[in-house]
């Protein structure tokens, strides 16, 4: 888009009506770490600080599982949160793991660099592993952070691969 960063972010953060849910509104948007690192990252952080935009920073600490999620998505062309997915075991080349780990290191550095630019009270760090293991506790933490009055109902999300990676990687 040709819109200035500040204008685009203002539009993204406007209240979005959801006609299918009475009295329901959504504020915010999702941004991937790889989208953060542009020539506009400082302006983005400045906008966040100036407008008190709260950030839920979700990260998966298990790098092997993160890499496999990416590999599985590309190999099976399946990304779902409502139904179980049973991908066929795949062969993953060693050099692919190295490239994924290198890319992961770069993205995590982008994430750290960006979060250093944002005021600490505007960021809540959420580990994917914690969200999966302690769903209710983590949702309550999120509720308090964003200032929701009503409790957040847990969803029926299904993991794409919740078993041991050896079940999904034939050359494990």
N, C-alpha and C. Protein backbone atom coordinates (compact mmCIF):
# COMPACT_ATOMS: atom_id res chain seq x y z
N UNK A 1 0.83 -1.18 0.00
CA UNK A 1 0.00 0.00 0.00
C UNK A 1 0.88 1.24 0.00
N UNK A 2 0.32 2.31 -0.50
CA UNK A 2 1.05 3.58 -0.59
C UNK A 2 0.75 4.50 0.59
N UNK A 3 -0.10 4.07 1.51
CA UNK A 3 -0.45 4.89 2.66
C UNK A 3 0.74 5.06 3.59
N UNK A 4 0.85 6.24 4.23
CA UNK A 4 1.90 6.40 5.24
C UNK A 4 1.66 5.40 6.39
N UNK A 5 2.72 4.99 7.05
CA UNK A 5 2.65 4.00 8.12
C UNK A 5 1.61 4.40 9.17
N UNK A 6 1.66 5.63 9.62
CA UNK A 6 0.76 6.08 10.68
C UNK A 6 -0.70 5.99 10.26
N UNK A 7 -1.01 6.36 9.03
CA UNK A 7 -2.39 6.31 8.52
C UNK A 7 -2.85 4.85 8.42
N UNK A 8 -2.01 4.00 7.90
CA UNK A 8 -2.34 2.58 7.76
C UNK A 8 -2.62 1.96 9.13
N UNK A 9 -1.76 2.24 10.10
CA UNK A 9 -1.94 1.68 11.44
C UNK A 9 -3.21 2.21 12.10
N UNK A 10 -3.50 3.48 11.90
CA UNK A 10 -4.73 4.06 12.45
C UNK A 10 -5.94 3.35 11.88
N UNK A 11 -5.93 3.10 10.58
CA UNK A 11 -7.04 2.37 9.95
C UNK A 11 -7.16 0.95 10.50
N UNK A 12 -6.03 0.28 10.68
CA UNK A 12 -6.05 -1.09 11.18
C UNK A 12 -6.57 -1.18 12.61
N UNK A 13 -6.34 -0.15 13.40
CA UNK A 13 -6.73 -0.18 14.80
C UNK A 13 -8.13 0.36 15.07
N UNK A 14 -8.82 0.80 14.04
CA UNK A 14 -10.18 1.29 14.24
C UNK A 14 -11.09 0.13 14.63
N UNK A 15 -12.12 0.49 15.32
CA UNK A 15 -13.10 -0.50 15.76
C UNK A 15 -13.76 -1.14 14.54
N UNK A 16 -13.79 -2.46 14.53
CA UNK A 16 -14.41 -3.19 13.43
C UNK A 16 -15.69 -3.81 13.96
N UNK A 17 -16.81 -3.44 13.37
CA UNK A 17 -18.09 -4.01 13.79
C UNK A 17 -18.19 -5.45 13.31
N UNK A 18 -18.73 -6.29 14.13
CA UNK A 18 -19.00 -7.68 13.75
C UNK A 18 -20.51 -7.88 13.82
N UNK A 19 -21.21 -7.68 12.69
CA UNK A 19 -22.68 -7.73 12.73
C UNK A 19 -23.24 -9.08 13.19
N UNK A 20 -22.47 -10.15 13.05
CA UNK A 20 -22.97 -11.46 13.46
C UNK A 20 -22.91 -11.66 14.98
N UNK A 21 -22.27 -10.73 15.69
CA UNK A 21 -22.20 -10.82 17.15
C UNK A 21 -22.69 -9.49 17.73
N UNK A 22 -23.78 -9.55 18.45
CA UNK A 22 -24.33 -8.34 19.03
C UNK A 22 -23.36 -7.75 20.06
N UNK A 23 -23.15 -6.46 20.00
CA UNK A 23 -22.29 -5.71 20.93
C UNK A 23 -20.85 -6.21 20.92
N UNK A 24 -20.38 -6.71 19.83
CA UNK A 24 -19.02 -7.24 19.76
C UNK A 24 -18.17 -6.36 18.86
N UNK A 25 -16.96 -6.12 19.30
CA UNK A 25 -16.03 -5.30 18.52
C UNK A 25 -14.65 -5.94 18.57
N UNK A 26 -13.88 -5.68 17.55
CA UNK A 26 -12.51 -6.17 17.50
C UNK A 26 -11.60 -4.96 17.35
N UNK A 27 -10.53 -4.95 18.10
CA UNK A 27 -9.53 -3.90 17.98
C UNK A 27 -8.21 -4.59 17.69
N UNK A 28 -7.50 -4.11 16.69
CA UNK A 28 -6.16 -4.62 16.49
C UNK A 28 -5.99 -5.44 15.24
N UNK A 29 -4.82 -6.01 15.15
CA UNK A 29 -4.44 -6.79 13.98
C UNK A 29 -3.26 -7.67 14.35
N UNK A 30 -2.98 -8.62 13.48
CA UNK A 30 -1.86 -9.54 13.68
C UNK A 30 -0.73 -9.11 12.75
N UNK A 31 0.47 -9.13 13.27
CA UNK A 31 1.64 -8.84 12.43
C UNK A 31 2.70 -9.89 12.73
N UNK A 32 3.30 -10.39 11.69
CA UNK A 32 4.35 -11.40 11.84
C UNK A 32 5.69 -10.69 12.01
N UNK A 33 6.61 -11.33 12.72
CA UNK A 33 7.92 -10.74 12.97
C UNK A 33 8.59 -10.35 11.65
N UNK A 34 8.46 -11.19 10.64
CA UNK A 34 9.11 -10.90 9.35
C UNK A 34 8.55 -9.64 8.71
N UNK A 35 7.32 -9.24 9.08
CA UNK A 35 6.74 -8.02 8.54
C UNK A 35 7.22 -6.79 9.30
N UNK A 36 7.77 -6.98 10.47
CA UNK A 36 8.21 -5.85 11.29
C UNK A 36 9.46 -5.19 10.75
N UNK A 37 10.35 -6.01 10.26
CA UNK A 37 11.66 -5.47 9.92
C UNK A 37 11.65 -4.86 8.53
N UNK A 38 11.25 -3.63 8.50
CA UNK A 38 11.25 -2.86 7.26
C UNK A 38 11.90 -1.52 7.58
N UNK A 39 11.94 -0.67 6.59
CA UNK A 39 12.48 0.66 6.82
C UNK A 39 11.56 1.47 7.74
N UNK A 40 10.36 0.95 8.02
CA UNK A 40 9.39 1.67 8.84
C UNK A 40 9.32 1.19 10.28
N UNK A 41 10.22 0.31 10.70
CA UNK A 41 10.11 -0.30 12.03
C UNK A 41 10.15 0.74 13.15
N UNK A 42 10.98 1.75 13.02
CA UNK A 42 11.05 2.79 14.06
C UNK A 42 9.75 3.59 14.11
N UNK A 43 9.18 3.89 12.94
CA UNK A 43 7.91 4.63 12.90
C UNK A 43 6.78 3.78 13.47
N UNK A 44 6.83 2.49 13.21
CA UNK A 44 5.83 1.58 13.76
C UNK A 44 5.92 1.57 15.29
N UNK A 45 7.12 1.44 15.82
CA UNK A 45 7.31 1.44 17.28
C UNK A 45 6.90 2.78 17.88
N UNK A 46 7.21 3.87 17.20
CA UNK A 46 6.83 5.19 17.67
C UNK A 46 5.30 5.32 17.74
N UNK A 47 4.62 4.81 16.73
CA UNK A 47 3.15 4.83 16.71
C UNK A 47 2.61 4.03 17.89
N UNK A 48 3.17 2.86 18.13
CA UNK A 48 2.74 2.00 19.23
C UNK A 48 2.88 2.75 20.55
N UNK A 49 4.04 3.36 20.78
CA UNK A 49 4.29 4.09 22.03
C UNK A 49 3.37 5.30 22.17
N UNK A 50 3.25 6.07 21.11
CA UNK A 50 2.44 7.30 21.13
C UNK A 50 0.97 7.00 21.39
N UNK A 51 0.47 5.90 20.85
CA UNK A 51 -0.95 5.57 20.93
C UNK A 51 -1.27 4.49 21.97
N UNK A 52 -0.28 4.14 22.79
CA UNK A 52 -0.47 3.12 23.83
C UNK A 52 -1.09 1.84 23.28
N UNK A 53 -0.56 1.37 22.16
CA UNK A 53 -1.02 0.13 21.54
C UNK A 53 -0.41 -1.04 22.31
N UNK A 54 -1.24 -1.91 22.79
CA UNK A 54 -0.75 -3.07 23.54
C UNK A 54 -0.38 -4.19 22.57
N UNK A 55 0.71 -4.86 22.89
CA UNK A 55 1.24 -5.92 22.03
C UNK A 55 1.28 -7.23 22.80
N UNK A 56 0.63 -8.23 22.24
CA UNK A 56 0.77 -9.60 22.74
C UNK A 56 1.83 -10.24 21.87
N UNK A 57 2.99 -10.46 22.43
CA UNK A 57 4.11 -11.02 21.67
C UNK A 57 4.14 -12.53 21.90
N UNK A 58 3.63 -13.27 20.92
CA UNK A 58 3.54 -14.72 21.01
C UNK A 58 4.74 -15.35 20.33
N UNK A 59 5.45 -16.20 21.06
CA UNK A 59 6.64 -16.84 20.51
C UNK A 59 6.65 -18.32 20.87
N UNK A 60 7.10 -19.12 19.96
CA UNK A 60 7.28 -20.56 20.22
C UNK A 60 8.76 -20.74 20.52
N UNK A 61 9.08 -21.21 21.72
CA UNK A 61 10.48 -21.39 22.12
C UNK A 61 11.12 -22.63 21.51
N UNK A 62 10.33 -23.64 21.23
CA UNK A 62 10.85 -24.87 20.66
C UNK A 62 11.12 -24.65 19.17
N UNK A 63 12.38 -24.39 18.85
CA UNK A 63 12.77 -24.04 17.47
C UNK A 63 12.51 -25.20 16.52
N UNK A 64 12.77 -26.42 16.94
CA UNK A 64 12.52 -27.56 16.06
C UNK A 64 11.04 -27.65 15.70
N UNK A 65 10.17 -27.46 16.68
CA UNK A 65 8.74 -27.53 16.41
C UNK A 65 8.30 -26.35 15.55
N UNK A 66 8.88 -25.19 15.78
CA UNK A 66 8.55 -24.02 14.96
C UNK A 66 8.95 -24.28 13.51
N UNK A 67 10.16 -24.79 13.33
CA UNK A 67 10.62 -25.10 11.97
C UNK A 67 9.74 -26.17 11.33
N UNK A 68 9.37 -27.17 12.11
CA UNK A 68 8.53 -28.21 11.54
C UNK A 68 7.16 -27.67 11.16
N UNK A 69 6.62 -26.74 11.94
CA UNK A 69 5.34 -26.12 11.59
C UNK A 69 5.42 -25.47 10.22
N UNK A 70 6.51 -24.75 9.99
CA UNK A 70 6.71 -24.10 8.69
C UNK A 70 6.83 -25.16 7.60
N UNK A 71 7.64 -26.17 7.86
CA UNK A 71 7.85 -27.23 6.87
C UNK A 71 6.53 -27.94 6.57
N UNK A 72 5.77 -28.26 7.61
CA UNK A 72 4.51 -28.96 7.45
C UNK A 72 3.51 -28.13 6.64
N UNK A 73 3.46 -26.85 6.92
CA UNK A 73 2.57 -25.96 6.18
C UNK A 73 2.91 -25.98 4.70
N UNK A 74 4.19 -25.88 4.38
CA UNK A 74 4.61 -25.86 2.97
C UNK A 74 4.46 -27.23 2.31
N UNK A 75 4.77 -28.29 3.04
CA UNK A 75 4.71 -29.63 2.46
C UNK A 75 3.28 -30.12 2.26
N UNK A 76 2.40 -29.80 3.21
CA UNK A 76 1.04 -30.33 3.17
C UNK A 76 0.01 -29.30 2.72
N UNK A 77 0.42 -28.04 2.66
CA UNK A 77 -0.48 -26.95 2.27
C UNK A 77 -1.73 -26.94 3.15
N UNK A 78 -1.53 -27.21 4.43
CA UNK A 78 -2.65 -27.24 5.37
C UNK A 78 -2.31 -26.34 6.55
N UNK A 79 -3.21 -25.43 6.85
CA UNK A 79 -3.11 -24.61 8.06
C UNK A 79 -4.52 -24.52 8.61
N UNK A 80 -4.76 -25.16 9.73
CA UNK A 80 -6.11 -25.20 10.26
C UNK A 80 -6.09 -25.03 11.77
N UNK A 81 -7.13 -24.45 12.30
CA UNK A 81 -7.24 -24.32 13.75
C UNK A 81 -8.53 -24.95 14.26
N UNK A 82 -9.37 -25.45 13.38
CA UNK A 82 -10.66 -25.98 13.79
C UNK A 82 -10.78 -27.50 13.64
N UNK A 83 -9.92 -28.09 12.85
CA UNK A 83 -9.99 -29.54 12.65
C UNK A 83 -8.61 -30.14 12.83
N UNK A 84 -8.58 -31.38 13.21
CA UNK A 84 -7.29 -32.06 13.36
C UNK A 84 -6.72 -32.34 11.99
N UNK A 85 -5.44 -32.20 11.89
CA UNK A 85 -4.73 -32.47 10.65
C UNK A 85 -3.80 -33.65 10.89
N UNK A 86 -3.82 -34.61 10.02
CA UNK A 86 -2.94 -35.77 10.13
C UNK A 86 -2.03 -35.82 8.91
N UNK A 87 -1.00 -34.98 8.89
CA UNK A 87 -0.11 -35.00 7.73
C UNK A 87 0.69 -36.29 7.66
N UNK A 88 1.02 -36.69 6.46
CA UNK A 88 1.88 -37.85 6.28
C UNK A 88 3.28 -37.50 6.77
N UNK A 89 4.00 -38.46 7.34
CA UNK A 89 5.38 -38.18 7.74
C UNK A 89 6.20 -37.70 6.54
N UNK A 90 7.04 -36.74 6.78
CA UNK A 90 7.83 -36.15 5.69
C UNK A 90 9.31 -36.35 5.96
N UNK A 91 10.07 -36.33 4.89
CA UNK A 91 11.53 -36.40 4.97
C UNK A 91 12.04 -34.96 4.99
N UNK A 92 12.80 -34.63 6.02
CA UNK A 92 13.32 -33.26 6.16
C UNK A 92 14.83 -33.30 6.04
N UNK A 93 15.34 -32.60 5.05
CA UNK A 93 16.79 -32.57 4.81
C UNK A 93 17.51 -31.76 5.89
N UNK A 94 18.69 -32.20 6.23
CA UNK A 94 19.49 -31.54 7.26
C UNK A 94 19.76 -30.08 6.93
N UNK A 95 20.08 -29.80 5.66
CA UNK A 95 20.37 -28.40 5.31
C UNK A 95 19.14 -27.52 5.48
N UNK A 96 17.95 -28.10 5.33
CA UNK A 96 16.73 -27.31 5.55
C UNK A 96 16.64 -26.90 7.02
N UNK A 97 16.94 -27.83 7.93
CA UNK A 97 16.93 -27.50 9.36
C UNK A 97 17.91 -26.36 9.65
N UNK A 98 19.09 -26.42 9.06
CA UNK A 98 20.08 -25.36 9.29
C UNK A 98 19.58 -24.01 8.77
N UNK A 99 19.01 -24.02 7.58
CA UNK A 99 18.46 -22.76 7.03
C UNK A 99 17.33 -22.23 7.90
N UNK A 100 16.48 -23.13 8.36
CA UNK A 100 15.36 -22.70 9.22
C UNK A 100 15.88 -22.13 10.53
N UNK A 101 16.86 -22.77 11.12
CA UNK A 101 17.43 -22.27 12.36
C UNK A 101 18.08 -20.90 12.15
N UNK A 102 18.80 -20.75 11.05
CA UNK A 102 19.41 -19.45 10.75
C UNK A 102 18.34 -18.37 10.58
N UNK A 103 17.27 -18.71 9.85
CA UNK A 103 16.17 -17.76 9.64
C UNK A 103 15.50 -17.45 10.97
N UNK A 104 15.32 -18.45 11.80
CA UNK A 104 14.73 -18.25 13.12
C UNK A 104 15.57 -17.28 13.95
N UNK A 105 16.88 -17.45 13.93
CA UNK A 105 17.76 -16.55 14.68
C UNK A 105 17.62 -15.11 14.21
N UNK A 106 17.52 -14.92 12.91
CA UNK A 106 17.34 -13.57 12.36
C UNK A 106 16.00 -12.99 12.82
N UNK A 107 14.93 -13.77 12.71
CA UNK A 107 13.61 -13.28 13.10
C UNK A 107 13.53 -12.98 14.59
N UNK A 108 14.15 -13.80 15.41
CA UNK A 108 14.13 -13.54 16.85
C UNK A 108 14.93 -12.28 17.19
N UNK A 109 15.98 -12.01 16.43
CA UNK A 109 16.72 -10.77 16.65
C UNK A 109 15.86 -9.57 16.23
N UNK A 110 15.14 -9.68 15.10
CA UNK A 110 14.20 -8.62 14.69
C UNK A 110 13.20 -8.36 15.81
N UNK A 111 12.65 -9.44 16.36
CA UNK A 111 11.65 -9.33 17.42
C UNK A 111 12.24 -8.61 18.63
N UNK A 112 13.43 -9.03 19.07
CA UNK A 112 14.08 -8.39 20.22
C UNK A 112 14.35 -6.92 19.95
N UNK A 113 14.87 -6.63 18.76
CA UNK A 113 15.18 -5.24 18.41
C UNK A 113 13.92 -4.38 18.42
N UNK A 114 12.83 -4.91 17.86
CA UNK A 114 11.58 -4.16 17.84
C UNK A 114 11.06 -3.94 19.26
N UNK A 115 11.04 -4.99 20.06
CA UNK A 115 10.50 -4.87 21.41
C UNK A 115 11.32 -3.92 22.28
N UNK A 116 12.61 -3.75 21.98
CA UNK A 116 13.43 -2.77 22.70
C UNK A 116 12.95 -1.35 22.44
N UNK A 117 12.32 -1.13 21.27
CA UNK A 117 11.84 0.19 20.90
C UNK A 117 10.48 0.51 21.51
N UNK A 118 9.82 -0.49 22.07
CA UNK A 118 8.47 -0.33 22.60
C UNK A 118 8.52 -0.26 24.12
N UNK A 119 7.73 0.65 24.69
CA UNK A 119 7.67 0.78 26.14
C UNK A 119 7.23 -0.54 26.76
N UNK A 120 7.92 -0.95 27.81
CA UNK A 120 7.71 -2.26 28.43
C UNK A 120 6.29 -2.54 28.89
N UNK A 121 5.58 -1.52 29.37
CA UNK A 121 4.22 -1.74 29.86
C UNK A 121 3.23 -2.02 28.73
N UNK A 122 3.66 -1.88 27.49
CA UNK A 122 2.79 -2.12 26.33
C UNK A 122 2.96 -3.52 25.76
N UNK A 123 3.85 -4.31 26.34
CA UNK A 123 4.16 -5.63 25.78
C UNK A 123 3.89 -6.72 26.82
N UNK A 124 3.18 -7.74 26.39
CA UNK A 124 3.00 -8.95 27.21
C UNK A 124 3.57 -10.11 26.41
N UNK A 125 4.57 -10.76 27.00
CA UNK A 125 5.22 -11.90 26.34
C UNK A 125 4.40 -13.15 26.63
N UNK A 126 4.03 -13.86 25.59
CA UNK A 126 3.27 -15.10 25.73
C UNK A 126 4.02 -16.20 24.99
N UNK A 127 4.31 -17.28 25.70
CA UNK A 127 4.96 -18.43 25.06
C UNK A 127 3.88 -19.37 24.56
N UNK A 128 4.02 -19.80 23.32
CA UNK A 128 3.08 -20.74 22.73
C UNK A 128 2.95 -21.99 23.61
N UNK A 129 4.08 -22.45 24.11
CA UNK A 129 4.07 -23.64 24.96
C UNK A 129 3.24 -23.42 26.22
N UNK A 130 3.33 -22.22 26.80
CA UNK A 130 2.54 -21.89 27.98
C UNK A 130 1.06 -21.79 27.66
N UNK A 131 0.76 -21.22 26.51
CA UNK A 131 -0.63 -21.10 26.09
C UNK A 131 -1.25 -22.47 25.89
N UNK A 132 -0.48 -23.39 25.33
CA UNK A 132 -0.99 -24.74 25.10
C UNK A 132 -1.11 -25.53 26.41
N UNK A 133 -0.16 -25.35 27.32
CA UNK A 133 -0.14 -26.15 28.55
C UNK A 133 -1.03 -25.56 29.65
N UNK A 134 -1.10 -24.24 29.72
CA UNK A 134 -1.87 -23.57 30.77
C UNK A 134 -2.82 -22.58 30.13
N UNK A 135 -3.74 -23.07 29.34
CA UNK A 135 -4.62 -22.23 28.53
C UNK A 135 -5.40 -21.23 29.37
N UNK A 136 -6.12 -21.69 30.37
CA UNK A 136 -6.98 -20.80 31.16
C UNK A 136 -6.16 -19.73 31.88
N UNK A 137 -5.05 -20.13 32.47
CA UNK A 137 -4.17 -19.20 33.19
C UNK A 137 -3.62 -18.14 32.23
N UNK A 138 -3.21 -18.58 31.05
CA UNK A 138 -2.64 -17.65 30.07
C UNK A 138 -3.72 -16.71 29.53
N UNK A 139 -4.92 -17.22 29.28
CA UNK A 139 -6.02 -16.36 28.82
C UNK A 139 -6.38 -15.32 29.87
N UNK A 140 -6.32 -15.68 31.13
CA UNK A 140 -6.59 -14.72 32.20
C UNK A 140 -5.51 -13.63 32.24
N UNK A 141 -4.28 -14.03 32.04
CA UNK A 141 -3.16 -13.07 31.97
C UNK A 141 -3.38 -12.09 30.81
N UNK A 142 -3.80 -12.61 29.67
CA UNK A 142 -4.07 -11.77 28.50
C UNK A 142 -5.25 -10.84 28.79
N UNK A 143 -6.31 -11.37 29.39
CA UNK A 143 -7.50 -10.57 29.70
C UNK A 143 -7.13 -9.36 30.56
N UNK A 144 -6.34 -9.60 31.60
CA UNK A 144 -5.93 -8.50 32.48
C UNK A 144 -5.06 -7.49 31.73
N UNK A 145 -4.16 -8.00 30.91
CA UNK A 145 -3.25 -7.12 30.18
C UNK A 145 -4.00 -6.19 29.23
N UNK A 146 -4.94 -6.73 28.47
CA UNK A 146 -5.65 -5.88 27.50
C UNK A 146 -6.83 -5.14 28.11
N UNK A 147 -7.19 -5.49 29.34
CA UNK A 147 -8.23 -4.75 30.04
C UNK A 147 -9.65 -5.21 29.74
N UNK A 148 -9.82 -6.45 29.31
CA UNK A 148 -11.17 -6.98 29.10
C UNK A 148 -11.81 -7.18 30.46
N UNK A 149 -13.09 -6.85 30.55
CA UNK A 149 -13.81 -7.06 31.81
C UNK A 149 -14.34 -8.49 31.91
N UNK A 150 -14.87 -9.00 30.83
CA UNK A 150 -15.41 -10.36 30.82
C UNK A 150 -14.29 -11.36 30.60
N UNK A 151 -14.44 -12.56 31.15
CA UNK A 151 -13.40 -13.58 30.91
C UNK A 151 -13.34 -13.97 29.43
N UNK A 152 -12.17 -14.38 29.01
CA UNK A 152 -11.98 -14.84 27.63
C UNK A 152 -12.30 -16.33 27.62
N UNK A 153 -13.21 -16.71 26.77
CA UNK A 153 -13.56 -18.13 26.67
C UNK A 153 -12.50 -18.84 25.86
N UNK A 154 -12.07 -19.98 26.35
CA UNK A 154 -11.06 -20.71 25.59
C UNK A 154 -11.72 -21.28 24.34
N UNK A 155 -10.95 -21.38 23.30
CA UNK A 155 -11.47 -21.84 22.02
C UNK A 155 -11.24 -23.33 21.87
N UNK A 156 -11.62 -23.83 20.75
CA UNK A 156 -11.46 -25.25 20.46
C UNK A 156 -10.35 -25.45 19.44
N UNK A 157 -9.25 -24.78 19.63
CA UNK A 157 -8.16 -24.89 18.67
C UNK A 157 -7.56 -26.28 18.71
N UNK A 158 -7.24 -26.77 17.54
CA UNK A 158 -6.59 -28.07 17.40
C UNK A 158 -5.18 -27.80 16.90
N UNK A 159 -4.22 -28.47 17.50
CA UNK A 159 -2.84 -28.32 17.05
C UNK A 159 -2.64 -29.13 15.78
N UNK A 160 -1.85 -28.59 14.87
CA UNK A 160 -1.55 -29.31 13.64
C UNK A 160 -0.74 -30.55 13.93
N UNK A 161 0.12 -30.48 14.91
CA UNK A 161 0.96 -31.63 15.27
C UNK A 161 1.29 -31.54 16.75
N UNK A 162 0.58 -32.31 17.53
CA UNK A 162 0.79 -32.24 18.97
C UNK A 162 1.61 -33.41 19.50
N UNK A 163 1.87 -34.38 18.66
CA UNK A 163 2.65 -35.54 19.10
C UNK A 163 4.13 -35.28 19.03
N UNK A 164 4.88 -36.33 19.28
CA UNK A 164 6.32 -36.26 19.19
C UNK A 164 6.71 -36.04 17.72
N UNK A 165 7.73 -35.23 17.49
CA UNK A 165 8.13 -34.94 16.11
C UNK A 165 8.55 -36.20 15.35
N UNK A 166 8.99 -37.21 16.05
CA UNK A 166 9.37 -38.45 15.37
C UNK A 166 8.18 -39.11 14.66
N UNK A 167 6.96 -38.75 15.07
CA UNK A 167 5.77 -39.27 14.41
C UNK A 167 5.54 -38.61 13.05
N UNK A 168 6.12 -37.44 12.85
CA UNK A 168 5.85 -36.65 11.66
C UNK A 168 7.04 -36.54 10.72
N UNK A 169 8.22 -36.86 11.23
CA UNK A 169 9.44 -36.73 10.43
C UNK A 169 10.02 -38.12 10.24
N UNK A 170 9.96 -38.61 9.01
CA UNK A 170 10.36 -39.99 8.76
C UNK A 170 11.85 -40.24 8.99
N UNK A 171 12.68 -39.24 8.84
CA UNK A 171 14.11 -39.41 9.05
C UNK A 171 14.55 -38.82 10.40
N UNK A 172 13.70 -38.87 11.38
CA UNK A 172 13.99 -38.34 12.71
C UNK A 172 15.10 -39.15 13.34
